[in-house]
Amino acid sequence: MNITERNFFRLLRAGALGLQEPIEPLSAWKWRRLYQLAVMHGVEDLVRRGISCCQDQFFVQVPEKLLAEWDEAIKGTKEVETDEGEMNPLLEADHLTNPLLNRRLQAILDEEETTMETRQLLLMMTGVARFIMNAGIPVKRLAELAIFLKHQGKKVDYMKIGDWTDQLKLRPMTQLTGALLIKLMHLEPDDVPFMTAESEAVTEKRMREILKLKNSHPEEWYFSQGKNIFVHTSNPSAMLWHCRRSARYFHYYPAETMTNFFASFAHSLSHIEE
């Protein structure tokens, strides 16, 4: 990571978990770049909270104009959320594209014997897995998951989580999620009981495979029909990007990766003009 990205994660951890880490000096331009990273990943509120948490540090010198813009953006986001209202997280499930696995997921969510926190954790991990396959590193979801584990983790039945992840073939993805939480959010292994302990070398390898902060996701690709009646793609390189991403994460979630790719393909076909 470069200095801006390092400070981005330090402030994110400060805002999400209250961790105090030394902030490196940044120019006004790099503070702007850090703000753009926060907006890109949807964590501007948490990073701004981190700035307040670390404001006594000498090198936390954010330009006043940028802070005002930052606060205004957060205010606008909160107003939108208030207008839309809040929903129970259990009602916002990330449906799996594999029909068999999705039926299993819905059956699990209907189990009333288990605590809400246990089912909520499963949904959050499923959401992280889906995001990884479709868009890349899920910074906001990882931060939310870290906060949840810190505050609600003791209410979770991790034996159930282990059984469910096996039923949903989600085990390799939970390992990847745990590695991301430890590396990026600085959680302790005891904070992620659903992850099997692994060597530092294996964790580093996982990081190299996935850790790309820049927003390299091409614009959404779809198919359209031109005047010559032939169907063509709006972004040929994007289709290759999706193919490469599906191949990269196939060994993490083979049961879901293929159906997820074809679901994206089918969604793209829906953009064909009639």
C-alpha atoms as a PDB file:
ATOM      1  CA  MET A   1       0.000   0.000   0.000  1.00  0.00           C
ATOM      2  CA  ASN A   2       1.068   3.571  -0.560  1.00  0.00           C
ATOM      3  CA  ILE A   3       0.982   6.176   2.221  1.00  0.00           C
ATOM      4  CA  THR A   4      -2.562   7.334   1.373  1.00  0.00           C
ATOM      5  CA  GLU A   5      -3.938   3.798   1.476  1.00  0.00           C
ATOM      6  CA  ARG A   6      -2.121   3.038   4.737  1.00  0.00           C
ATOM      7  CA  ASN A   7      -3.616   6.117   6.374  1.00  0.00           C
ATOM      8  CA  PHE A   8      -7.017   5.271   4.894  1.00  0.00           C
ATOM      9  CA  PHE A   9      -7.089   1.918   6.694  1.00  0.00           C
ATOM     10  CA  ARG A  10      -5.657   3.369   9.919  1.00  0.00           C
ATOM     11  CA  LEU A  11      -8.423   5.957  10.037  1.00  0.00           C
ATOM     12  CA  LEU A  12     -11.010   3.350   9.059  1.00  0.00           C
ATOM     13  CA  ARG A  13      -9.903   1.110  11.931  1.00  0.00           C
ATOM     14  CA  ALA A  14      -9.950   4.102  14.282  1.00  0.00           C
ATOM     15  CA  GLY A  15     -13.489   5.027  13.248  1.00  0.00           C
ATOM     16  CA  ALA A  16     -14.831   1.471  13.255  1.00  0.00           C
ATOM     17  CA  LEU A  17     -12.987  -0.089  16.186  1.00  0.00           C
ATOM     18  CA  GLY A  18     -11.389   2.801  18.060  1.00  0.00           C
ATOM     19  CA  LEU A  19      -7.844   1.613  17.287  1.00  0.00           C
ATOM     20  CA  GLN A  20      -5.226   4.347  17.721  1.00  0.00           C
ATOM     21  CA  GLU A  21      -2.392   4.112  15.186  1.00  0.00           C
ATOM     22  CA  PRO A  22       0.122   6.782  14.126  1.00  0.00           C
ATOM     23  CA  ILE A  23      -1.005   8.714  11.051  1.00  0.00           C
ATOM     24  CA  GLU A  24       1.648   9.610   8.483  1.00  0.00           C
ATOM     25  CA  PRO A  25       1.901  13.158   7.043  1.00  0.00           C
ATOM     26  CA  LEU A  26      -0.187  13.843   3.937  1.00  0.00           C
ATOM     27  CA  SER A  27      -0.328  16.779   1.555  1.00  0.00           C
ATOM     28  CA  ALA A  28      -3.638  18.506   0.809  1.00  0.00           C
ATOM     29  CA  TRP A  29      -3.823  16.594  -2.471  1.00  0.00           C
ATOM     30  CA  LYS A  30      -3.333  13.241  -0.711  1.00  0.00           C
ATOM     31  CA  TRP A  31      -5.989  14.098   1.890  1.00  0.00           C
ATOM     32  CA  ARG A  32      -8.324  14.697  -1.049  1.00  0.00           C
ATOM     33  CA  ARG A  33      -7.324  11.343  -2.487  1.00  0.00           C
ATOM     34  CA  LEU A  34      -8.013   9.687   0.884  1.00  0.00           C
ATOM     35  CA  TYR A  35     -11.474  11.285   0.943  1.00  0.00           C
ATOM     36  CA  GLN A  36     -12.119   9.950  -2.563  1.00  0.00           C
ATOM     37  CA  LEU A  37     -11.124   6.453  -1.411  1.00  0.00           C
ATOM     38  CA  ALA A  38     -13.562   6.719   1.487  1.00  0.00           C
ATOM     39  CA  VAL A  39     -16.382   7.785  -0.841  1.00  0.00           C
ATOM     40  CA  MET A  40     -15.478   5.107  -3.388  1.00  0.00           C
ATOM     41  CA  HIS A  41     -15.826   2.389  -0.760  1.00  0.00           C
ATOM     42  CA  GLY A  42     -18.819   3.927   1.017  1.00  0.00           C
ATOM     43  CA  VAL A  43     -17.032   4.416   4.351  1.00  0.00           C
ATOM     44  CA  GLU A  44     -16.745   8.213   4.476  1.00  0.00           C
ATOM     45  CA  ASP A  45     -18.643   8.301   7.798  1.00  0.00           C
ATOM     46  CA  LEU A  46     -16.330   5.774   9.481  1.00  0.00           C
ATOM     47  CA  VAL A  47     -13.148   7.411   8.171  1.00  0.00           C
ATOM     48  CA  ARG A  48     -14.392  10.852   9.257  1.00  0.00           C
ATOM     49  CA  ARG A  49     -15.038   9.397  12.706  1.00  0.00           C
ATOM     50  CA  GLY A  50     -11.471   8.077  12.636  1.00  0.00           C
ATOM     51  CA  ILE A  51     -10.166  11.589  11.912  1.00  0.00           C
ATOM     52  CA  SER A  52     -12.008  12.870  14.992  1.00  0.00           C
ATOM     53  CA  CYS A  53     -10.631   9.980  17.023  1.00  0.00           C
ATOM     54  CA  CYS A  54      -7.044  10.809  15.965  1.00  0.00           C
ATOM     55  CA  GLN A  55      -7.363  14.607  15.843  1.00  0.00           C
ATOM     56  CA  ASP A  56      -4.792  15.090  18.612  1.00  0.00           C
ATOM     57  CA  GLN A  57      -2.071  13.564  16.449  1.00  0.00           C
ATOM     58  CA  PHE A  58       0.281  16.129  14.913  1.00  0.00           C
ATOM     59  CA  PHE A  59      -0.002  14.859  11.326  1.00  0.00           C
ATOM     60  CA  VAL A  60      -3.818  14.771  11.244  1.00  0.00           C
ATOM     61  CA  GLN A  61      -4.104  18.128   9.483  1.00  0.00           C
ATOM     62  CA  VAL A  62      -7.023  17.873   7.080  1.00  0.00           C
ATOM     63  CA  PRO A  63      -7.777  21.049   5.077  1.00  0.00           C
ATOM     64  CA  GLU A  64     -10.784  22.856   6.575  1.00  0.00           C
ATOM     65  CA  LYS A  65     -12.491  23.149   3.185  1.00  0.00           C
ATOM     66  CA  LEU A  66     -12.231  19.397   2.663  1.00  0.00           C
ATOM     67  CA  LEU A  67     -13.585  18.685   6.164  1.00  0.00           C
ATOM     68  CA  ALA A  68     -16.607  20.894   5.474  1.00  0.00           C
ATOM     69  CA  GLU A  69     -17.232  19.087   2.180  1.00  0.00           C
ATOM     70  CA  TRP A  70     -16.781  15.757   3.961  1.00  0.00           C
ATOM     71  CA  ASP A  71     -19.301  16.612   6.696  1.00  0.00           C
ATOM     72  CA  GLU A  72     -21.807  17.852   4.129  1.00  0.00           C
ATOM     73  CA  ALA A  73     -21.523  14.602   2.165  1.00  0.00           C
ATOM     74  CA  ILE A  74     -22.089  12.539   5.324  1.00  0.00           C
ATOM     75  CA  LYS A  75     -25.098  14.668   6.251  1.00  0.00           C
ATOM     76  CA  GLY A  76     -26.624  14.092   2.817  1.00  0.00           C
ATOM     77  CA  THR A  77     -26.038  10.332   3.067  1.00  0.00           C
ATOM     78  CA  LYS A  78     -27.716  10.159   6.484  1.00  0.00           C
ATOM     79  CA  GLU A  79     -30.731  12.130   5.220  1.00  0.00           C
ATOM     80  CA  VAL A  80     -31.189   9.625   2.390  1.00  0.00           C
ATOM     81  CA  GLU A  81     -30.945   6.705   4.815  1.00  0.00           C
ATOM     82  CA  THR A  82     -33.505   8.352   7.129  1.00  0.00           C
ATOM     83  CA  ASP A  83     -35.928   8.892   4.263  1.00  0.00           C
ATOM     84  CA  GLU A  84     -35.623   5.285   3.140  1.00  0.00           C
ATOM     85  CA  GLY A  85     -35.961   3.953   6.696  1.00  0.00           C
ATOM     86  CA  GLU A  86     -34.079   1.092   8.283  1.00  0.00           C
ATOM     87  CA  MET A  87     -34.792  -2.559   7.583  1.00  0.00           C
ATOM     88  CA  ASN A  88     -34.024  -5.677   9.543  1.00  0.00           C
ATOM     89  CA  PRO A  89     -30.730  -7.045   8.138  1.00  0.00           C
ATOM     90  CA  LEU A  90     -32.278 -10.519   8.038  1.00  0.00           C
ATOM     91  CA  LEU A  91     -34.772  -9.243   5.456  1.00  0.00           C
ATOM     92  CA  GLU A  92     -32.005  -8.091   3.141  1.00  0.00           C
ATOM     93  CA  ALA A  93     -30.490 -11.452   2.283  1.00  0.00           C
ATOM     94  CA  ASP A  94     -28.013 -11.790  -0.554  1.00  0.00           C
ATOM     95  CA  HIS A  95     -29.687 -14.535  -2.536  1.00  0.00           C
ATOM     96  CA  LEU A  96     -27.255 -17.079  -3.948  1.00  0.00           C
ATOM     97  CA  THR A  97     -27.477 -17.747  -7.673  1.00  0.00           C
ATOM     98  CA  ASN A  98     -27.015 -21.507  -7.239  1.00  0.00           C
ATOM     99  CA  PRO A  99     -30.629 -22.755  -6.779  1.00  0.00           C
ATOM    100  CA  LEU A 100     -29.702 -25.633  -4.452  1.00  0.00           C
ATOM    101  CA  LEU A 101     -27.489 -23.484  -2.221  1.00  0.00           C
ATOM    102  CA  ASN A 102     -30.058 -20.702  -2.189  1.00  0.00           C
ATOM    103  CA  ARG A 103     -32.782 -23.092  -0.981  1.00  0.00           C
ATOM    104  CA  ARG A 104     -30.444 -24.214   1.783  1.00  0.00           C
ATOM    105  CA  LEU A 105     -29.755 -20.582   2.712  1.00  0.00           C
ATOM    106  CA  GLN A 106     -33.439 -19.708   2.894  1.00  0.00           C
ATOM    107  CA  ALA A 107     -34.125 -22.813   5.001  1.00  0.00           C
ATOM    108  CA  ILE A 108     -31.362 -21.783   7.406  1.00  0.00           C
ATOM    109  CA  LEU A 109     -32.817 -18.294   7.727  1.00  0.00           C
ATOM    110  CA  ASP A 110     -36.185 -19.796   8.652  1.00  0.00           C
ATOM    111  CA  GLU A 111     -34.683 -21.653  11.619  1.00  0.00           C
ATOM    112  CA  GLU A 112     -36.067 -19.916  14.681  1.00  0.00           C
ATOM    113  CA  GLU A 113     -34.143 -22.038  17.197  1.00  0.00           C
ATOM    114  CA  THR A 114     -30.927 -20.136  16.490  1.00  0.00           C
ATOM    115  CA  THR A 115     -30.210 -16.570  17.574  1.00  0.00           C
ATOM    116  CA  MET A 116     -30.755 -13.651  15.230  1.00  0.00           C
ATOM    117  CA  GLU A 117     -27.064 -12.718  15.630  1.00  0.00           C
ATOM    118  CA  THR A 118     -25.992 -16.138  14.325  1.00  0.00           C
ATOM    119  CA  ARG A 119     -28.156 -15.854  11.227  1.00  0.00           C
ATOM    120  CA  GLN A 120     -27.110 -12.248  10.732  1.00  0.00           C
ATOM    121  CA  LEU A 121     -23.433 -13.210  10.775  1.00  0.00           C
ATOM    122  CA  LEU A 122     -24.069 -15.875   8.130  1.00  0.00           C
ATOM    123  CA  LEU A 123     -25.794 -13.307   5.924  1.00  0.00           C
ATOM    124  CA  MET A 124     -22.955 -10.835   6.349  1.00  0.00           C
ATOM    125  CA  MET A 125     -20.393 -13.465   5.345  1.00  0.00           C
ATOM    126  CA  THR A 126     -22.537 -14.468   2.370  1.00  0.00           C
ATOM    127  CA  GLY A 127     -22.720 -10.807   1.355  1.00  0.00           C
ATOM    128  CA  VAL A 128     -18.935 -10.472   1.541  1.00  0.00           C
ATOM    129  CA  ALA A 129     -18.529 -13.567  -0.655  1.00  0.00           C
ATOM    130  CA  ARG A 130     -20.992 -12.263  -3.249  1.00  0.00           C
ATOM    131  CA  PHE A 131     -19.291  -8.851  -3.285  1.00  0.00           C
ATOM    132  CA  ILE A 132     -15.850 -10.396  -3.770  1.00  0.00           C
ATOM    133  CA  MET A 133     -17.061 -12.371  -6.781  1.00  0.00           C
ATOM    134  CA  ASN A 134     -18.790  -9.393  -8.410  1.00  0.00           C
ATOM    135  CA  ALA A 135     -16.918  -6.238  -7.507  1.00  0.00           C
ATOM    136  CA  GLY A 136     -13.686  -6.799  -5.567  1.00  0.00           C
ATOM    137  CA  ILE A 137     -12.548  -6.031  -2.051  1.00  0.00           C
ATOM    138  CA  PRO A 138     -15.614  -5.235   0.122  1.00  0.00           C
ATOM    139  CA  VAL A 139     -14.135  -2.546   2.397  1.00  0.00           C
ATOM    140  CA  LYS A 140     -17.467  -1.327   3.798  1.00  0.00           C
ATOM    141  CA  ARG A 141     -18.801  -4.830   4.425  1.00  0.00           C
ATOM    142  CA  LEU A 142     -15.560  -5.859   6.103  1.00  0.00           C
ATOM    143  CA  ALA A 143     -15.731  -2.830   8.402  1.00  0.00           C
ATOM    144  CA  GLU A 144     -19.365  -3.609   9.267  1.00  0.00           C
ATOM    145  CA  LEU A 145     -18.471  -7.248   9.876  1.00  0.00           C
ATOM    146  CA  ALA A 146     -15.561  -6.255  12.150  1.00  0.00           C
ATOM    147  CA  ILE A 147     -17.852  -3.960  14.169  1.00  0.00           C
ATOM    148  CA  PHE A 148     -20.471  -6.723  14.419  1.00  0.00           C
ATOM    149  CA  LEU A 149     -17.954  -9.290  15.645  1.00  0.00           C
ATOM    150  CA  LYS A 150     -16.569  -6.880  18.250  1.00  0.00           C
ATOM    151  CA  HIS A 151     -19.971  -5.969  19.666  1.00  0.00           C
ATOM    152  CA  GLN A 152     -22.206  -8.969  18.924  1.00  0.00           C
ATOM    153  CA  GLY A 153     -19.729 -11.816  18.468  1.00  0.00           C
ATOM    154  CA  LYS A 154     -20.380 -13.333  21.906  1.00  0.00           C
ATOM    155  CA  LYS A 155     -24.038 -13.901  20.993  1.00  0.00           C
ATOM    156  CA  VAL A 156     -23.144 -16.009  17.944  1.00  0.00           C
ATOM    157  CA  ASP A 157     -23.306 -19.809  17.910  1.00  0.00           C
ATOM    158  CA  TYR A 158     -20.099 -20.582  16.006  1.00  0.00           C
ATOM    159  CA  MET A 159     -20.840 -24.320  15.950  1.00  0.00           C
ATOM    160  CA  LYS A 160     -23.925 -23.496  13.898  1.00  0.00           C
ATOM    161  CA  ILE A 161     -21.921 -21.151  11.701  1.00  0.00           C
ATOM    162  CA  GLY A 162     -19.480 -23.984  10.989  1.00  0.00           C
ATOM    163  CA  ASP A 163     -22.292 -26.378  10.065  1.00  0.00           C
ATOM    164  CA  TRP A 164     -24.000 -23.810   7.854  1.00  0.00           C
ATOM    165  CA  THR A 165     -20.861 -22.800   5.987  1.00  0.00           C
ATOM    166  CA  ASP A 166     -20.265 -26.489   5.199  1.00  0.00           C
ATOM    167  CA  GLN A 167     -23.852 -26.897   3.983  1.00  0.00           C
ATOM    168  CA  LEU A 168     -23.469 -23.832   1.748  1.00  0.00           C
ATOM    169  CA  LYS A 169     -19.965 -24.858   0.551  1.00  0.00           C
ATOM    170  CA  LEU A 170     -18.818 -21.508   1.946  1.00  0.00           C
ATOM    171  CA  ARG A 171     -15.817 -22.670   3.991  1.00  0.00           C
ATOM    172  CA  PRO A 172     -13.006 -21.434   1.657  1.00  0.00           C
ATOM    173  CA  MET A 173     -14.718 -18.051   1.375  1.00  0.00           C
ATOM    174  CA  THR A 174     -14.987 -17.753   5.157  1.00  0.00           C
ATOM    175  CA  GLN A 175     -11.250 -18.433   5.355  1.00  0.00           C
ATOM    176  CA  LEU A 176     -10.634 -15.621   2.885  1.00  0.00           C
ATOM    177  CA  THR A 177     -12.994 -13.320   4.806  1.00  0.00           C
ATOM    178  CA  GLY A 178     -11.213 -14.095   8.068  1.00  0.00           C
ATOM    179  CA  ALA A 179      -7.827 -13.387   6.494  1.00  0.00           C
ATOM    180  CA  LEU A 180      -9.104 -10.016   5.243  1.00  0.00           C
ATOM    181  CA  LEU A 181     -10.478  -9.119   8.684  1.00  0.00           C
ATOM    182  CA  ILE A 182      -7.168  -9.947  10.357  1.00  0.00           C
ATOM    183  CA  LYS A 183      -5.001  -8.220   7.762  1.00  0.00           C
ATOM    184  CA  LEU A 184      -7.060  -5.116   6.984  1.00  0.00           C
ATOM    185  CA  MET A 185      -9.112  -4.559  10.156  1.00  0.00           C
ATOM    186  CA  HIS A 186      -6.467  -5.892  12.576  1.00  0.00           C
ATOM    187  CA  LEU A 187      -8.835  -8.279  14.341  1.00  0.00           C
ATOM    188  CA  GLU A 188      -7.280 -10.949  16.524  1.00  0.00           C
ATOM    189  CA  PRO A 189      -7.694 -14.635  15.533  1.00  0.00           C
ATOM    190  CA  ASP A 190      -9.893 -15.058  18.634  1.00  0.00           C
ATOM    191  CA  ASP A 191     -12.292 -12.492  17.132  1.00  0.00           C
ATOM    192  CA  VAL A 192     -12.910 -14.687  14.073  1.00  0.00           C
ATOM    193  CA  PRO A 193     -13.646 -18.188  15.492  1.00  0.00           C
ATOM    194  CA  PHE A 194     -15.202 -19.264  12.172  1.00  0.00           C
ATOM    195  CA  MET A 195     -11.743 -19.146  10.563  1.00  0.00           C
ATOM    196  CA  THR A 196      -9.285 -22.044  10.858  1.00  0.00           C
ATOM    197  CA  ALA A 197      -5.814 -20.900  11.894  1.00  0.00           C
ATOM    198  CA  GLU A 198      -3.351 -20.723   8.996  1.00  0.00           C
ATOM    199  CA  SER A 199       0.246 -19.688   8.486  1.00  0.00           C
ATOM    200  CA  GLU A 200       1.294 -16.105   7.816  1.00  0.00           C
ATOM    201  CA  ALA A 201       2.595 -17.177   4.389  1.00  0.00           C
ATOM    202  CA  VAL A 202      -0.840 -18.493   3.368  1.00  0.00           C
ATOM    203  CA  THR A 203      -2.523 -15.296   4.578  1.00  0.00           C
ATOM    204  CA  GLU A 204      -0.041 -13.176   2.630  1.00  0.00           C
ATOM    205  CA  LYS A 205      -0.750 -15.210  -0.501  1.00  0.00           C
ATOM    206  CA  ARG A 206      -4.473 -14.603  -0.102  1.00  0.00           C
ATOM    207  CA  MET A 207      -3.815 -10.873   0.248  1.00  0.00           C
ATOM    208  CA  ARG A 208      -1.767 -10.739  -2.928  1.00  0.00           C
ATOM    209  CA  GLU A 209      -4.599 -12.433  -4.797  1.00  0.00           C
ATOM    210  CA  ILE A 210      -7.298 -10.000  -3.745  1.00  0.00           C
ATOM    211  CA  LEU A 211      -5.856  -6.764  -2.328  1.00  0.00           C
ATOM    212  CA  LYS A 212      -6.358  -4.169  -5.046  1.00  0.00           C
ATOM    213  CA  LEU A 213      -7.747  -0.920  -3.663  1.00  0.00           C
ATOM    214  CA  LYS A 214      -8.072   0.981  -6.907  1.00  0.00           C
ATOM    215  CA  ASN A 215     -11.541   0.874  -8.404  1.00  0.00           C
ATOM    216  CA  SER A 216     -10.630  -1.219 -11.441  1.00  0.00           C
ATOM    217  CA  HIS A 217     -14.150  -2.485 -11.969  1.00  0.00           C
ATOM    218  CA  PRO A 218     -15.117  -1.472 -15.528  1.00  0.00           C
ATOM    219  CA  GLU A 219     -18.461   0.113 -16.176  1.00  0.00           C
ATOM    220  CA  GLU A 220     -21.311  -2.361 -16.150  1.00  0.00           C
ATOM    221  CA  TRP A 221     -21.329  -4.326 -19.360  1.00  0.00           C
ATOM    222  CA  TYR A 222     -24.433  -5.337 -21.208  1.00  0.00           C
ATOM    223  CA  PHE A 223     -25.580  -6.339 -24.667  1.00  0.00           C
ATOM    224  CA  SER A 224     -27.423  -4.052 -27.039  1.00  0.00           C
ATOM    225  CA  GLN A 225     -28.701  -4.303 -30.581  1.00  0.00           C
ATOM    226  CA  GLY A 226     -27.397  -1.889 -33.194  1.00  0.00           C
ATOM    227  CA  LYS A 227     -28.958  -0.711 -36.448  1.00  0.00           C
ATOM    228  CA  ASN A 228     -27.421  -3.668 -38.275  1.00  0.00           C
ATOM    229  CA  ILE A 229     -29.505  -6.019 -35.997  1.00  0.00           C
ATOM    230  CA  PHE A 230     -26.331  -7.697 -34.698  1.00  0.00           C
ATOM    231  CA  VAL A 231     -25.981  -7.960 -30.935  1.00  0.00           C
ATOM    232  CA  HIS A 232     -22.741  -6.601 -29.496  1.00  0.00           C
ATOM    233  CA  THR A 233     -21.291  -5.791 -26.086  1.00  0.00           C
ATOM    234  CA  SER A 234     -21.089  -2.266 -24.715  1.00  0.00           C
ATOM    235  CA  ASN A 235     -17.683  -3.023 -23.201  1.00  0.00           C
ATOM    236  CA  PRO A 236     -15.802  -6.076 -24.539  1.00  0.00           C
ATOM    237  CA  SER A 237     -12.968  -5.711 -22.031  1.00  0.00           C
ATOM    238  CA  ALA A 238     -15.486  -5.807 -19.184  1.00  0.00           C
ATOM    239  CA  MET A 239     -16.706  -9.230 -20.293  1.00  0.00           C
ATOM    240  CA  LEU A 240     -13.123 -10.508 -20.150  1.00  0.00           C
ATOM    241  CA  TRP A 241     -12.793  -8.855 -16.710  1.00  0.00           C
ATOM    242  CA  HIS A 242     -15.775 -10.860 -15.446  1.00  0.00           C
ATOM    243  CA  CYS A 243     -14.345 -14.062 -16.926  1.00  0.00           C
ATOM    244  CA  ARG A 244     -10.986 -13.528 -15.271  1.00  0.00           C
ATOM    245  CA  ARG A 245     -12.595 -12.690 -11.918  1.00  0.00           C
ATOM    246  CA  SER A 246     -14.759 -15.815 -12.038  1.00  0.00           C
ATOM    247  CA  ALA A 247     -11.704 -17.938 -12.812  1.00  0.00           C
ATOM    248  CA  ARG A 248      -9.666 -16.279 -10.018  1.00  0.00           C
ATOM    249  CA  TYR A 249     -12.229 -17.043  -7.300  1.00  0.00           C
ATOM    250  CA  PHE A 250     -13.464 -20.359  -8.652  1.00  0.00           C
ATOM    251  CA  HIS A 251     -11.472 -22.401  -6.106  1.00  0.00           C
ATOM    252  CA  TYR A 252     -12.915 -20.321  -3.257  1.00  0.00           C
ATOM    253  CA  TYR A 253     -16.549 -20.974  -4.152  1.00  0.00           C
ATOM    254  CA  PRO A 254     -16.892 -23.297  -7.168  1.00  0.00           C
ATOM    255  CA  ALA A 255     -20.559 -24.159  -6.474  1.00  0.00           C
ATOM    256  CA  GLU A 256     -21.575 -20.504  -6.727  1.00  0.00           C
ATOM    257  CA  THR A 257     -19.006 -18.967  -9.086  1.00  0.00           C
ATOM    258  CA  MET A 258     -20.276 -20.494 -12.330  1.00  0.00           C
ATOM    259  CA  THR A 259     -23.959 -19.788 -11.672  1.00  0.00           C
ATOM    260  CA  ASN A 260     -23.030 -16.279 -10.556  1.00  0.00           C
ATOM    261  CA  PHE A 261     -21.225 -15.639 -13.851  1.00  0.00           C
ATOM    262  CA  PHE A 262     -24.137 -16.912 -15.955  1.00  0.00           C
ATOM    263  CA  ALA A 263     -26.589 -14.907 -13.844  1.00  0.00           C
ATOM    264  CA  SER A 264     -24.563 -11.788 -14.657  1.00  0.00           C
ATOM    265  CA  PHE A 265     -24.568 -12.833 -18.307  1.00  0.00           C
ATOM    266  CA  ALA A 266     -28.362 -13.291 -18.284  1.00  0.00           C
ATOM    267  CA  HIS A 267     -28.777  -9.901 -16.606  1.00  0.00           C
ATOM    268  CA  SER A 268     -26.685  -8.375 -19.387  1.00  0.00           C
ATOM    269  CA  LEU A 269     -28.924  -9.921 -22.041  1.00  0.00           C
ATOM    270  CA  SER A 270     -31.904  -8.165 -20.465  1.00  0.00           C
ATOM    271  CA  HIS A 271     -30.437  -4.873 -21.740  1.00  0.00           C
ATOM    272  CA  ILE A 272     -30.910  -5.911 -25.367  1.00  0.00           C
ATOM    273  CA  GLU A 273     -33.195  -3.434 -27.068  1.00  0.00           C
ATOM    274  CA  GLU A 274     -36.363  -4.967 -28.464  1.00  0.00           C
END
